[in-house]
Amino acid sequence: DDLLHRVNAIANACGAVSCRVSESEEERLRFWAGRKAAFP
């Protein structure tokens, strides 16, 4: 929780236009599914 807060602050300082945190294990895996399927 603490690290997410700090990283979110850094992202906003760098000009992030959107930030979204996974609220479940299914959502976390879905975030990674897109990255891992990027090549195909």
Full PDB file with SEQRES, HELIX, SHEET, SSBOND, CRYST1, ORIGX, SCALE, CONECT and MASTER records, all heavy atoms in Angstrom:
SEQRES   1 A   40  ASP ASP LEU LEU HIS ARG VAL ASN ALA ILE ALA ASN ALA          
SEQRES   2 A   40  CYS GLY ALA VAL SER CYS ARG VAL SER GLU SER GLU GLU          
SEQRES   3 A   40  GLU ARG LEU ARG PHE TRP ALA GLY ARG LYS ALA ALA PHE          
SEQRES   4 A   40  PRO                                                          
HELIX    1 AA1 ASP A    2  ALA A   13  1                                  12    
HELIX    2 AA2 GLU A   25  LYS A   36  1                                  12    
CRYST1    1.000    1.000    1.000  90.00  90.00  90.00 P 1           1          
ORIGX1      1.000000  0.000000  0.000000        0.00000                         
ORIGX2      0.000000  1.000000  0.000000        0.00000                         
ORIGX3      0.000000  0.000000  1.000000        0.00000                         
SCALE1      1.000000  0.000000  0.000000        0.00000                         
SCALE2      0.000000  1.000000  0.000000        0.00000                         
SCALE3      0.000000  0.000000  1.000000        0.00000                         
ATOM      1  N   ASP A   1       0.832  -1.208   0.000  1.00  0.00           N  
ATOM      2  CA  ASP A   1       0.000   0.000   0.000  1.00  0.00           C  
ATOM      3  C   ASP A   1       0.868   1.259   0.000  1.00  0.00           C  
ATOM      4  O   ASP A   1       0.584   2.228  -0.722  1.00  0.00           O  
ATOM      5  CB  ASP A   1      -0.927   0.011   1.221  1.00  0.00           C  
ATOM      6  CG  ASP A   1      -2.044  -1.023   1.117  1.00  0.00           C  
ATOM      7  OD1 ASP A   1      -2.289  -1.507  -0.008  1.00  0.00           O  
ATOM      8  OD2 ASP A   1      -2.652  -1.340   2.155  1.00  0.00           O  
ATOM      9  N   ASP A   2       1.912   1.267   0.816  1.00  0.00           N  
ATOM     10  CA  ASP A   2       2.787   2.432   0.892  1.00  0.00           C  
ATOM     11  C   ASP A   2       3.516   2.652  -0.439  1.00  0.00           C  
ATOM     12  O   ASP A   2       3.599   3.788  -0.931  1.00  0.00           O  
ATOM     13  CB  ASP A   2       3.810   2.244   2.022  1.00  0.00           C  
ATOM     14  CG  ASP A   2       4.800   3.391   2.107  1.00  0.00           C  
ATOM     15  OD1 ASP A   2       4.368   4.533   2.380  1.00  0.00           O  
ATOM     16  OD2 ASP A   2       6.001   3.163   1.862  1.00  0.00           O  
ATOM     17  N   LEU A   3       4.029   1.578  -1.027  1.00  0.00           N  
ATOM     18  CA  LEU A   3       4.765   1.706  -2.287  1.00  0.00           C  
ATOM     19  C   LEU A   3       3.848   2.155  -3.425  1.00  0.00           C  
ATOM     20  O   LEU A   3       4.252   2.948  -4.282  1.00  0.00           O  
ATOM     21  CB  LEU A   3       5.440   0.380  -2.639  1.00  0.00           C  
ATOM     22  CG  LEU A   3       6.592  -0.049  -1.718  1.00  0.00           C  
ATOM     23  CD1 LEU A   3       7.118  -1.416  -2.131  1.00  0.00           C  
ATOM     24  CD2 LEU A   3       7.724   0.976  -1.752  1.00  0.00           C  
ATOM     25  N   LEU A   4       2.626   1.642  -3.441  1.00  0.00           N  
ATOM     26  CA  LEU A   4       1.686   2.078  -4.470  1.00  0.00           C  
ATOM     27  C   LEU A   4       1.432   3.574  -4.364  1.00  0.00           C  
ATOM     28  O   LEU A   4       1.362   4.286  -5.379  1.00  0.00           O  
ATOM     29  CB  LEU A   4       0.370   1.314  -4.336  1.00  0.00           C  
ATOM     30  CG  LEU A   4       0.338  -0.100  -4.916  1.00  0.00           C  
ATOM     31  CD1 LEU A   4      -0.954  -0.810  -4.506  1.00  0.00           C  
ATOM     32  CD2 LEU A   4       0.463  -0.066  -6.437  1.00  0.00           C  
ATOM     33  N   HIS A   5       1.293   4.066  -3.149  1.00  0.00           N  
ATOM     34  CA  HIS A   5       1.075   5.502  -2.941  1.00  0.00           C  
ATOM     35  C   HIS A   5       2.267   6.306  -3.455  1.00  0.00           C  
ATOM     36  O   HIS A   5       2.094   7.328  -4.144  1.00  0.00           O  
ATOM     37  CB  HIS A   5       0.853   5.770  -1.453  1.00  0.00           C  
ATOM     38  CG  HIS A   5       0.705   7.228  -1.121  1.00  0.00           C  
ATOM     39  ND1 HIS A   5      -0.458   7.943  -1.387  1.00  0.00           N  
ATOM     40  CD2 HIS A   5       1.588   8.113  -0.564  1.00  0.00           C  
ATOM     41  CE1 HIS A   5      -0.296   9.202  -1.010  1.00  0.00           C  
ATOM     42  NE2 HIS A   5       0.936   9.316  -0.500  1.00  0.00           N  
ATOM     43  N   ARG A   6       3.478   5.845  -3.162  1.00  0.00           N  
ATOM     44  CA  ARG A   6       4.682   6.569  -3.580  1.00  0.00           C  
ATOM     45  C   ARG A   6       4.855   6.526  -5.101  1.00  0.00           C  
ATOM     46  O   ARG A   6       5.184   7.535  -5.728  1.00  0.00           O  
ATOM     47  CB  ARG A   6       5.914   5.973  -2.888  1.00  0.00           C  
ATOM     48  CG  ARG A   6       5.930   6.201  -1.380  1.00  0.00           C  
ATOM     49  CD  ARG A   6       7.076   5.441  -0.712  1.00  0.00           C  
ATOM     50  NE  ARG A   6       8.368   5.878  -1.242  1.00  0.00           N  
ATOM     51  CZ  ARG A   6       9.511   5.231  -1.012  1.00  0.00           C  
ATOM     52  NH1 ARG A   6       9.503   4.099  -0.299  1.00  0.00           N  
ATOM     53  NH2 ARG A   6      10.643   5.685  -1.495  1.00  0.00           N  
ATOM     54  N   VAL A   7       4.635   5.362  -5.694  1.00  0.00           N  
ATOM     55  CA  VAL A   7       4.781   5.246  -7.151  1.00  0.00           C  
ATOM     56  C   VAL A   7       3.720   6.079  -7.860  1.00  0.00           C  
ATOM     57  O   VAL A   7       3.997   6.729  -8.882  1.00  0.00           O  
ATOM     58  CB  VAL A   7       4.700   3.765  -7.589  1.00  0.00           C  
ATOM     59  CG1 VAL A   7       4.645   3.653  -9.108  1.00  0.00           C  
ATOM     60  CG2 VAL A   7       5.891   2.984  -7.052  1.00  0.00           C  
ATOM     61  N   ASN A   8       2.514   6.089  -7.343  1.00  0.00           N  
ATOM     62  CA  ASN A   8       1.449   6.893  -7.926  1.00  0.00           C  
ATOM     63  C   ASN A   8       1.829   8.374  -7.920  1.00  0.00           C  
ATOM     64  O   ASN A   8       1.596   9.095  -8.895  1.00  0.00           O  
ATOM     65  CB  ASN A   8       0.152   6.676  -7.148  1.00  0.00           C  
ATOM     66  CG  ASN A   8      -1.059   7.259  -7.854  1.00  0.00           C  
ATOM     67  OD1 ASN A   8      -1.552   6.685  -8.820  1.00  0.00           O  
ATOM     68  ND2 ASN A   8      -1.533   8.399  -7.372  1.00  0.00           N  
ATOM     69  N   ALA A   9       2.439   8.826  -6.821  1.00  0.00           N  
ATOM     70  CA  ALA A   9       2.870  10.222  -6.723  1.00  0.00           C  
ATOM     71  C   ALA A   9       3.970  10.528  -7.741  1.00  0.00           C  
ATOM     72  O   ALA A   9       3.972  11.600  -8.374  1.00  0.00           O  
ATOM     73  CB  ALA A   9       3.355  10.518  -5.303  1.00  0.00           C  
ATOM     74  N   ILE A  10       4.899   9.611  -7.911  1.00  0.00           N  
ATOM     75  CA  ILE A  10       5.975   9.807  -8.891  1.00  0.00           C  
ATOM     76  C   ILE A  10       5.403   9.872 -10.301  1.00  0.00           C  
ATOM     77  O   ILE A  10       5.780  10.722 -11.120  1.00  0.00           O  
ATOM     78  CB  ILE A  10       7.018   8.675  -8.775  1.00  0.00           C  
ATOM     79  CG1 ILE A  10       7.763   8.763  -7.445  1.00  0.00           C  
ATOM     80  CG2 ILE A  10       8.008   8.725  -9.944  1.00  0.00           C  
ATOM     81  CD1 ILE A  10       8.654   7.578  -7.148  1.00  0.00           C  
ATOM     82  N   ALA A  11       4.459   8.977 -10.611  1.00  0.00           N  
ATOM     83  CA  ALA A  11       3.843   8.962 -11.939  1.00  0.00           C  
ATOM     84  C   ALA A  11       3.131  10.283 -12.218  1.00  0.00           C  
ATOM     85  O   ALA A  11       3.263  10.863 -13.311  1.00  0.00           O  
ATOM     86  CB  ALA A  11       2.870   7.794 -12.058  1.00  0.00           C  
ATOM     87  N   ASN A  12       2.400  10.786 -11.249  1.00  0.00           N  
ATOM     88  CA  ASN A  12       1.701  12.061 -11.433  1.00  0.00           C  
ATOM     89  C   ASN A  12       2.684  13.204 -11.627  1.00  0.00           C  
ATOM     90  O   ASN A  12       2.449  14.107 -12.438  1.00  0.00           O  
ATOM     91  CB  ASN A  12       0.789  12.338 -10.231  1.00  0.00           C  
ATOM     92  CG  ASN A  12      -0.446  11.442 -10.232  1.00  0.00           C  
ATOM     93  OD1 ASN A  12      -0.956  11.093 -11.296  1.00  0.00           O  
ATOM     94  ND2 ASN A  12      -0.923  11.076  -9.054  1.00  0.00           N  
ATOM     95  N   ALA A  13       3.801  13.160 -10.912  1.00  0.00           N  
ATOM     96  CA  ALA A  13       4.824  14.200 -11.056  1.00  0.00           C  
ATOM     97  C   ALA A  13       5.466  14.172 -12.439  1.00  0.00           C  
ATOM     98  O   ALA A  13       5.984  15.193 -12.915  1.00  0.00           O  
ATOM     99  CB  ALA A  13       5.878  14.042  -9.967  1.00  0.00           C  
ATOM    100  N   CYS A  14       5.431  13.010 -13.068  1.00  0.00           N  
ATOM    101  CA  CYS A  14       6.008  12.863 -14.413  1.00  0.00           C  
ATOM    102  C   CYS A  14       4.975  13.133 -15.508  1.00  0.00           C  
ATOM    103  O   CYS A  14       5.268  12.922 -16.695  1.00  0.00           O  
ATOM    104  CB  CYS A  14       6.599  11.472 -14.586  1.00  0.00           C  
ATOM    105  SG  CYS A  14       8.050  11.165 -13.550  1.00  0.00           S  
ATOM    106  N   GLY A  15       3.777  13.540 -15.125  1.00  0.00           N  
ATOM    107  CA  GLY A  15       2.775  13.916 -16.115  1.00  0.00           C  
ATOM    108  C   GLY A  15       1.814  12.822 -16.497  1.00  0.00           C  
ATOM    109  O   GLY A  15       1.177  12.898 -17.563  1.00  0.00           O  
ATOM    110  N   ALA A  16       1.641  11.800 -15.657  1.00  0.00           N  
ATOM    111  CA  ALA A  16       0.707  10.719 -15.978  1.00  0.00           C  
ATOM    112  C   ALA A  16      -0.706  11.284 -16.148  1.00  0.00           C  
ATOM    113  O   ALA A  16      -1.152  12.126 -15.370  1.00  0.00           O  
ATOM    114  CB  ALA A  16       0.717   9.669 -14.874  1.00  0.00           C  
ATOM    115  N   VAL A  17      -1.391  10.817 -17.169  1.00  0.00           N  
ATOM    116  CA  VAL A  17      -2.758  11.280 -17.432  1.00  0.00           C  
ATOM    117  C   VAL A  17      -3.793  10.282 -16.920  1.00  0.00           C  
ATOM    118  O   VAL A  17      -4.985  10.588 -16.898  1.00  0.00           O  
ATOM    119  CB  VAL A  17      -2.970  11.546 -18.940  1.00  0.00           C  
ATOM    120  CG1 VAL A  17      -2.096  12.703 -19.393  1.00  0.00           C  
ATOM    121  CG2 VAL A  17      -2.670  10.295 -19.765  1.00  0.00           C  
ATOM    122  N   SER A  18      -3.335   9.097 -16.525  1.00  0.00           N  
ATOM    123  CA  SER A  18      -4.241   8.112 -15.930  1.00  0.00           C  
ATOM    124  C   SER A  18      -3.453   7.171 -15.043  1.00  0.00           C  
ATOM    125  O   SER A  18      -2.312   6.822 -15.348  1.00  0.00           O  
ATOM    126  CB  SER A  18      -4.979   7.315 -17.011  1.00  0.00           C  
ATOM    127  OG  SER A  18      -4.085   6.485 -17.729  1.00  0.00           O  
ATOM    128  N   CYS A  19      -4.038   6.791 -13.911  1.00  0.00           N  
ATOM    129  CA  CYS A  19      -3.435   5.812 -13.011  1.00  0.00           C  
ATOM    130  C   CYS A  19      -4.549   4.910 -12.485  1.00  0.00           C  
ATOM    131  O   CYS A  19      -5.581   5.399 -12.031  1.00  0.00           O  
ATOM    132  CB  CYS A  19      -2.729   6.491 -11.837  1.00  0.00           C  
ATOM    133  SG  CYS A  19      -1.143   7.264 -12.240  1.00  0.00           S  
ATOM    134  N   ARG A  20      -4.315   3.625 -12.546  1.00  0.00           N  
ATOM    135  CA  ARG A  20      -5.336   2.673 -12.116  1.00  0.00           C  
ATOM    136  C   ARG A  20      -4.662   1.513 -11.397  1.00  0.00           C  
ATOM    137  O   ARG A  20      -3.712   0.916 -11.923  1.00  0.00           O  
ATOM    138  CB  ARG A  20      -6.107   2.181 -13.340  1.00  0.00           C  
ATOM    139  CG  ARG A  20      -7.172   1.141 -13.051  1.00  0.00           C  
ATOM    140  CD  ARG A  20      -7.870   0.771 -14.341  1.00  0.00           C  
ATOM    141  NE  ARG A  20      -8.621  -0.459 -14.266  1.00  0.00           N  
ATOM    142  CZ  ARG A  20      -9.044  -1.135 -15.328  1.00  0.00           C  
ATOM    143  NH1 ARG A  20      -8.774  -0.673 -16.544  1.00  0.00           N  
ATOM    144  NH2 ARG A  20      -9.722  -2.251 -15.179  1.00  0.00           N  
ATOM    145  N   VAL A  21      -5.148   1.188 -10.213  1.00  0.00           N  
ATOM    146  CA  VAL A  21      -4.562   0.119  -9.405  1.00  0.00           C  
ATOM    147  C   VAL A  21      -5.479  -1.096  -9.437  1.00  0.00           C  
ATOM    148  O   VAL A  21      -6.706  -0.966  -9.343  1.00  0.00           O  
ATOM    149  CB  VAL A  21      -4.360   0.592  -7.950  1.00  0.00           C  
ATOM    150  CG1 VAL A  21      -3.814  -0.547  -7.092  1.00  0.00           C  
ATOM    151  CG2 VAL A  21      -3.418   1.783  -7.902  1.00  0.00           C  
ATOM    152  N   SER A  22      -4.890  -2.274  -9.581  1.00  0.00           N  
ATOM    153  CA  SER A  22      -5.694  -3.506  -9.598  1.00  0.00           C  
ATOM    154  C   SER A  22      -6.379  -3.692  -8.252  1.00  0.00           C  
ATOM    155  O   SER A  22      -5.770  -3.522  -7.195  1.00  0.00           O  
ATOM    156  CB  SER A  22      -4.812  -4.714  -9.920  1.00  0.00           C  
ATOM    157  OG  SER A  22      -3.838  -4.911  -8.908  1.00  0.00           O  
ATOM    158  N   GLU A  23      -7.654  -4.059  -8.280  1.00  0.00           N  
ATOM    159  CA  GLU A  23      -8.434  -4.242  -7.057  1.00  0.00           C  
ATOM    160  C   GLU A  23      -8.713  -5.705  -6.759  1.00  0.00           C  
ATOM    161  O   GLU A  23      -9.348  -6.025  -5.761  1.00  0.00           O  
ATOM    162  CB  GLU A  23      -9.758  -3.473  -7.171  1.00  0.00           C  
ATOM    163  CG  GLU A  23      -9.591  -1.971  -7.335  1.00  0.00           C  
ATOM    164  CD  GLU A  23      -8.907  -1.321  -6.136  1.00  0.00           C  
ATOM    165  OE1 GLU A  23      -8.987  -1.900  -5.023  1.00  0.00           O  
ATOM    166  OE2 GLU A  23      -8.277  -0.259  -6.311  1.00  0.00           O  
ATOM    167  N   SER A  24      -8.228  -6.603  -7.629  1.00  0.00           N  
ATOM    168  CA  SER A  24      -8.413  -8.039  -7.413  1.00  0.00           C  
ATOM    169  C   SER A  24      -7.298  -8.787  -8.126  1.00  0.00           C  
ATOM    170  O   SER A  24      -6.598  -8.229  -8.984  1.00  0.00           O  
ATOM    171  CB  SER A  24      -9.772  -8.501  -7.958  1.00  0.00           C  
ATOM    172  OG  SER A  24      -9.806  -8.378  -9.375  1.00  0.00           O  
ATOM    173  N   GLU A  25      -7.138 -10.048  -7.770  1.00  0.00           N  
ATOM    174  CA  GLU A  25      -6.124 -10.871  -8.427  1.00  0.00           C  
ATOM    175  C   GLU A  25      -6.457 -11.055  -9.897  1.00  0.00           C  
ATOM    176  O   GLU A  25      -5.562 -11.059 -10.764  1.00  0.00           O  
ATOM    177  CB  GLU A  25      -6.017 -12.230  -7.729  1.00  0.00           C  
ATOM    178  CG  GLU A  25      -5.011 -13.190  -8.346  1.00  0.00           C  
ATOM    179  CD  GLU A  25      -3.567 -12.711  -8.243  1.00  0.00           C  
ATOM    180  OE1 GLU A  25      -3.309 -11.654  -7.648  1.00  0.00           O  
ATOM    181  OE2 GLU A  25      -2.683 -13.414  -8.781  1.00  0.00           O  
ATOM    182  N   GLU A  26      -7.733 -11.169 -10.214  1.00  0.00           N  
ATOM    183  CA  GLU A  26      -8.147 -11.320 -11.616  1.00  0.00           C  
ATOM    184  C   GLU A  26      -7.770 -10.093 -12.430  1.00  0.00           C  
ATOM    185  O   GLU A  26      -7.309 -10.207 -13.560  1.00  0.00           O  
ATOM    186  CB  GLU A  26      -9.655 -11.568 -11.695  1.00  0.00           C  
ATOM    187  CG  GLU A  26     -10.124 -12.903 -11.138  1.00  0.00           C  
ATOM    188  CD  GLU A  26     -10.101 -12.956  -9.609  1.00  0.00           C  
ATOM    189  OE1 GLU A  26     -10.083 -11.876  -8.961  1.00  0.00           O  
ATOM    190  OE2 GLU A  26     -10.095 -14.080  -9.066  1.00  0.00           O  
ATOM    191  N   GLU A  27      -7.958  -8.922 -11.831  1.00  0.00           N  
ATOM    192  CA  GLU A  27      -7.625  -7.690 -12.550  1.00  0.00           C  
ATOM    193  C   GLU A  27      -6.117  -7.564 -12.726  1.00  0.00           C  
ATOM    194  O   GLU A  27      -5.639  -7.146 -13.783  1.00  0.00           O  
ATOM    195  CB  GLU A  27      -8.175  -6.479 -11.808  1.00  0.00           C  
ATOM    196  CG  GLU A  27      -8.044  -5.181 -12.597  1.00  0.00           C  
ATOM    197  CD  GLU A  27      -8.730  -4.015 -11.929  1.00  0.00           C  
ATOM    198  OE1 GLU A  27      -8.828  -4.003 -10.678  1.00  0.00           O  
ATOM    199  OE2 GLU A  27      -9.194  -3.106 -12.654  1.00  0.00           O  
ATOM    200  N   ARG A  28      -5.348  -7.931 -11.709  1.00  0.00           N  
ATOM    201  CA  ARG A  28      -3.884  -7.892 -11.827  1.00  0.00           C  
ATOM    202  C   ARG A  28      -3.409  -8.791 -12.960  1.00  0.00           C  
ATOM    203  O   ARG A  28      -2.575  -8.397 -13.793  1.00  0.00           O  
ATOM    204  CB  ARG A  28      -3.223  -8.325 -10.510  1.00  0.00           C  
ATOM    205  CG  ARG A  28      -1.694  -8.267 -10.538  1.00  0.00           C  
ATOM    206  CD  ARG A  28      -1.091  -8.868  -9.278  1.00  0.00           C  
ATOM    207  NE  ARG A  28      -1.189 -10.321  -9.265  1.00  0.00           N  
ATOM    208  CZ  ARG A  28      -0.303 -11.144  -9.830  1.00  0.00           C  
ATOM    209  NH1 ARG A  28       0.744 -10.662 -10.483  1.00  0.00           N  
ATOM    210  NH2 ARG A  28      -0.468 -12.450  -9.755  1.00  0.00           N  
ATOM    211  N   LEU A  29      -3.945  -9.996 -13.016  1.00  0.00           N  
ATOM    212  CA  LEU A  29      -3.554 -10.926 -14.073  1.00  0.00           C  
ATOM    213  C   LEU A  29      -3.987 -10.418 -15.439  1.00  0.00           C  
ATOM    214  O   LEU A  29      -3.299 -10.645 -16.443  1.00  0.00           O  
ATOM    215  CB  LEU A  29      -4.169 -12.304 -13.798  1.00  0.00           C  
ATOM    216  CG  LEU A  29      -3.625 -13.041 -12.562  1.00  0.00           C  
ATOM    217  CD1 LEU A  29      -4.389 -14.332 -12.335  1.00  0.00           C  
ATOM    218  CD2 LEU A  29      -2.131 -13.309 -12.705  1.00  0.00           C  
ATOM    219  N   ARG A  30      -5.107  -9.706 -15.489  1.00  0.00           N  
ATOM    220  CA  ARG A  30      -5.559  -9.150 -16.761  1.00  0.00           C  
ATOM    221  C   ARG A  30      -4.610  -8.045 -17.244  1.00  0.00           C  
ATOM    222  O   ARG A  30      -4.314  -7.943 -18.429  1.00  0.00           O  
ATOM    223  CB  ARG A  30      -6.980  -8.617 -16.620  1.00  0.00           C  
ATOM    224  CG  ARG A  30      -7.632  -8.278 -17.948  1.00  0.00           C  
ATOM    225  CD  ARG A  30      -9.147  -8.191 -17.847  1.00  0.00           C  
ATOM    226  NE  ARG A  30      -9.585  -7.176 -16.894  1.00  0.00           N  
ATOM    227  CZ  ARG A  30     -10.184  -7.433 -15.743  1.00  0.00           C  
ATOM    228  NH1 ARG A  30     -10.397  -8.693 -15.366  1.00  0.00           N  
ATOM    229  NH2 ARG A  30     -10.572  -6.456 -14.938  1.00  0.00           N  
ATOM    230  N   PHE A  31      -4.121  -7.225 -16.314  1.00  0.00           N  
ATOM    231  CA  PHE A  31      -3.141  -6.206 -16.675  1.00  0.00           C  
ATOM    232  C   PHE A  31      -1.923  -6.864 -17.332  1.00  0.00           C  
ATOM    233  O   PHE A  31      -1.407  -6.398 -18.346  1.00  0.00           O  
ATOM    234  CB  PHE A  31      -2.678  -5.434 -15.440  1.00  0.00           C  
ATOM    235  CG  PHE A  31      -3.680  -4.468 -14.874  1.00  0.00           C  
ATOM    236  CD1 PHE A  31      -3.404  -3.773 -13.703  1.00  0.00           C  
ATOM    237  CD2 PHE A  31      -4.907  -4.249 -15.492  1.00  0.00           C  
ATOM    238  CE1 PHE A  31      -4.317  -2.881 -13.168  1.00  0.00           C  
ATOM    239  CE2 PHE A  31      -5.833  -3.358 -14.957  1.00  0.00           C  
ATOM    240  CZ  PHE A  31      -5.538  -2.673 -13.793  1.00  0.00           C  
ATOM    241  N   TRP A  32      -1.464  -7.969 -16.724  1.00  0.00           N  
ATOM    242  CA  TRP A  32      -0.274  -8.644 -17.244  1.00  0.00           C  
ATOM    243  C   TRP A  32      -0.570  -9.424 -18.520  1.00  0.00           C  
ATOM    244  O   TRP A  32       0.314  -9.609 -19.363  1.00  0.00           O  
ATOM    245  CB  TRP A  32       0.313  -9.581 -16.188  1.00  0.00           C  
ATOM    246  CG  TRP A  32       1.104  -8.858 -15.146  1.00  0.00           C  
ATOM    247  CD1 TRP A  32       0.852  -8.800 -13.808  1.00  0.00           C  
ATOM    248  CD2 TRP A  32       2.282  -8.070 -15.356  1.00  0.00           C  
ATOM    249  NE1 TRP A  32       1.784  -8.027 -13.173  1.00  0.00           N  
ATOM    250  CE2 TRP A  32       2.681  -7.567 -14.097  1.00  0.00           C  
ATOM    251  CE3 TRP A  32       3.041  -7.750 -16.477  1.00  0.00           C  
ATOM    252  CZ2 TRP A  32       3.804  -6.757 -13.928  1.00  0.00           C  
ATOM    253  CZ3 TRP A  32       4.157  -6.939 -16.319  1.00  0.00           C  
ATOM    254  CH2 TRP A  32       4.527  -6.449 -15.060  1.00  0.00           C  
ATOM    255  N   ALA A  33      -1.803  -9.871 -18.675  1.00  0.00           N  
ATOM    256  CA  ALA A  33      -2.148 -10.659 -19.870  1.00  0.00           C  
ATOM    257  C   ALA A  33      -1.915  -9.863 -21.142  1.00  0.00           C  
ATOM    258  O   ALA A  33      -1.429 -10.389 -22.151  1.00  0.00           O  
ATOM    259  CB  ALA A  33      -3.596 -11.120 -19.795  1.00  0.00           C  
ATOM    260  N   GLY A  34      -2.243  -8.571 -21.104  1.00  0.00           N  
ATOM    261  CA  GLY A  34      -2.014  -7.734 -22.277  1.00  0.00           C  
ATOM    262  C   GLY A  34      -0.541  -7.614 -22.601  1.00  0.00           C  
ATOM    263  O   GLY A  34      -0.121  -7.726 -23.755  1.00  0.00           O  
ATOM    264  N   ARG A  35       0.275  -7.393 -21.577  1.00  0.00           N  
ATOM    265  CA  ARG A  35       1.720  -7.268 -21.802  1.00  0.00           C  
ATOM    266  C   ARG A  35       2.314  -8.576 -22.313  1.00  0.00           C  
ATOM    267  O   ARG A  35       3.099  -8.584 -23.253  1.00  0.00           O  
ATOM    268  CB  ARG A  35       2.406  -6.840 -20.492  1.00  0.00           C  
ATOM    269  CG  ARG A  35       3.926  -7.017 -20.461  1.00  0.00           C  
ATOM    270  CD  ARG A  35       4.630  -6.236 -21.551  1.00  0.00           C  
ATOM    271  NE  ARG A  35       6.057  -6.532 -21.567  1.00  0.00           N  
ATOM    272  CZ  ARG A  35       6.613  -7.486 -22.303  1.00  0.00           C  
ATOM    273  NH1 ARG A  35       5.849  -8.270 -23.067  1.00  0.00           N  
ATOM    274  NH2 ARG A  35       7.915  -7.681 -22.291  1.00  0.00           N  
ATOM    275  N   LYS A  36       1.926  -9.695 -21.721  1.00  0.00           N  
ATOM    276  CA  LYS A  36       2.527 -10.971 -22.109  1.00  0.00           C  
ATOM    277  C   LYS A  36       2.051 -11.441 -23.483  1.00  0.00           C  
ATOM    278  O   LYS A  36       2.687 -12.277 -24.106  1.00  0.00           O  
ATOM    279  CB  LYS A  36       2.258 -12.032 -21.046  1.00  0.00           C  
ATOM    280  CG  LYS A  36       3.000 -11.744 -19.742  1.00  0.00           C  
ATOM    281  CD  LYS A  36       3.165 -12.983 -18.897  1.00  0.00           C  
ATOM    282  CE  LYS A  36       4.119 -12.702 -17.742  1.00  0.00           C  
ATOM    283  NZ  LYS A  36       4.493 -13.910 -16.999  1.00  0.00           N  
ATOM    284  N   ALA A  37       0.934 -10.890 -23.947  1.00  0.00           N  
ATOM    285  CA  ALA A  37       0.431 -11.253 -25.274  1.00  0.00           C  
ATOM    286  C   ALA A  37       0.818 -10.219 -26.322  1.00  0.00           C  
ATOM    287  O   ALA A  37       0.334 -10.277 -27.451  1.00  0.00           O  
ATOM    288  CB  ALA A  37      -1.085 -11.406 -25.232  1.00  0.00           C  
ATOM    289  N   ALA A  38       1.702  -9.291 -25.956  1.00  0.00           N  
ATOM    290  CA  ALA A  38       2.023  -8.192 -26.872  1.00  0.00           C  
ATOM    291  C   ALA A  38       2.664  -8.686 -28.164  1.00  0.00           C  
ATOM    292  O   ALA A  38       2.352  -8.177 -29.249  1.00  0.00           O  
ATOM    293  CB  ALA A  38       2.947  -7.194 -26.170  1.00  0.00           C  
ATOM    294  N   PHE A  39       3.547  -9.679 -28.080  1.00  0.00           N  
ATOM    295  CA  PHE A  39       4.218 -10.148 -29.295  1.00  0.00           C  
ATOM    296  C   PHE A  39       3.226 -10.762 -30.283  1.00  0.00           C  
ATOM    297  O   PHE A  39       3.193 -10.364 -31.451  1.00  0.00           O  
ATOM    298  CB  PHE A  39       5.326 -11.140 -28.949  1.00  0.00           C  
ATOM    299  CG  PHE A  39       6.543 -10.512 -28.305  1.00  0.00           C  
ATOM    300  CD1 PHE A  39       6.561  -9.162 -27.968  1.00  0.00           C  
ATOM    301  CD2 PHE A  39       7.657 -11.269 -28.024  1.00  0.00           C  
ATOM    302  CE1 PHE A  39       7.678  -8.583 -27.368  1.00  0.00           C  
ATOM    303  CE2 PHE A  39       8.784 -10.708 -27.425  1.00  0.00           C  
ATOM    304  CZ  PHE A  39       8.791  -9.364 -27.085  1.00  0.00           C  
ATOM    305  N   PRO A  40       2.412 -11.749 -29.869  1.00  0.00           N  
ATOM    306  CA  PRO A  40       1.418 -12.260 -30.828  1.00  0.00           C  
ATOM    307  C   PRO A  40       0.410 -11.198 -31.242  1.00  0.00           C  
ATOM    308  O   PRO A  40      -0.090 -11.230 -32.373  1.00  0.00           O  
ATOM    309  CB  PRO A  40       0.744 -13.413 -30.077  1.00  0.00           C  
ATOM    310  CG  PRO A  40       1.042 -13.185 -28.643  1.00  0.00           C  
ATOM    311  CD  PRO A  40       2.372 -12.508 -28.599  1.00  0.00           C  
TER     312      PRO A  40                                                      
MASTER        0    0    0    2    0    0    0    6  311    1    0    4          
END                                                                             
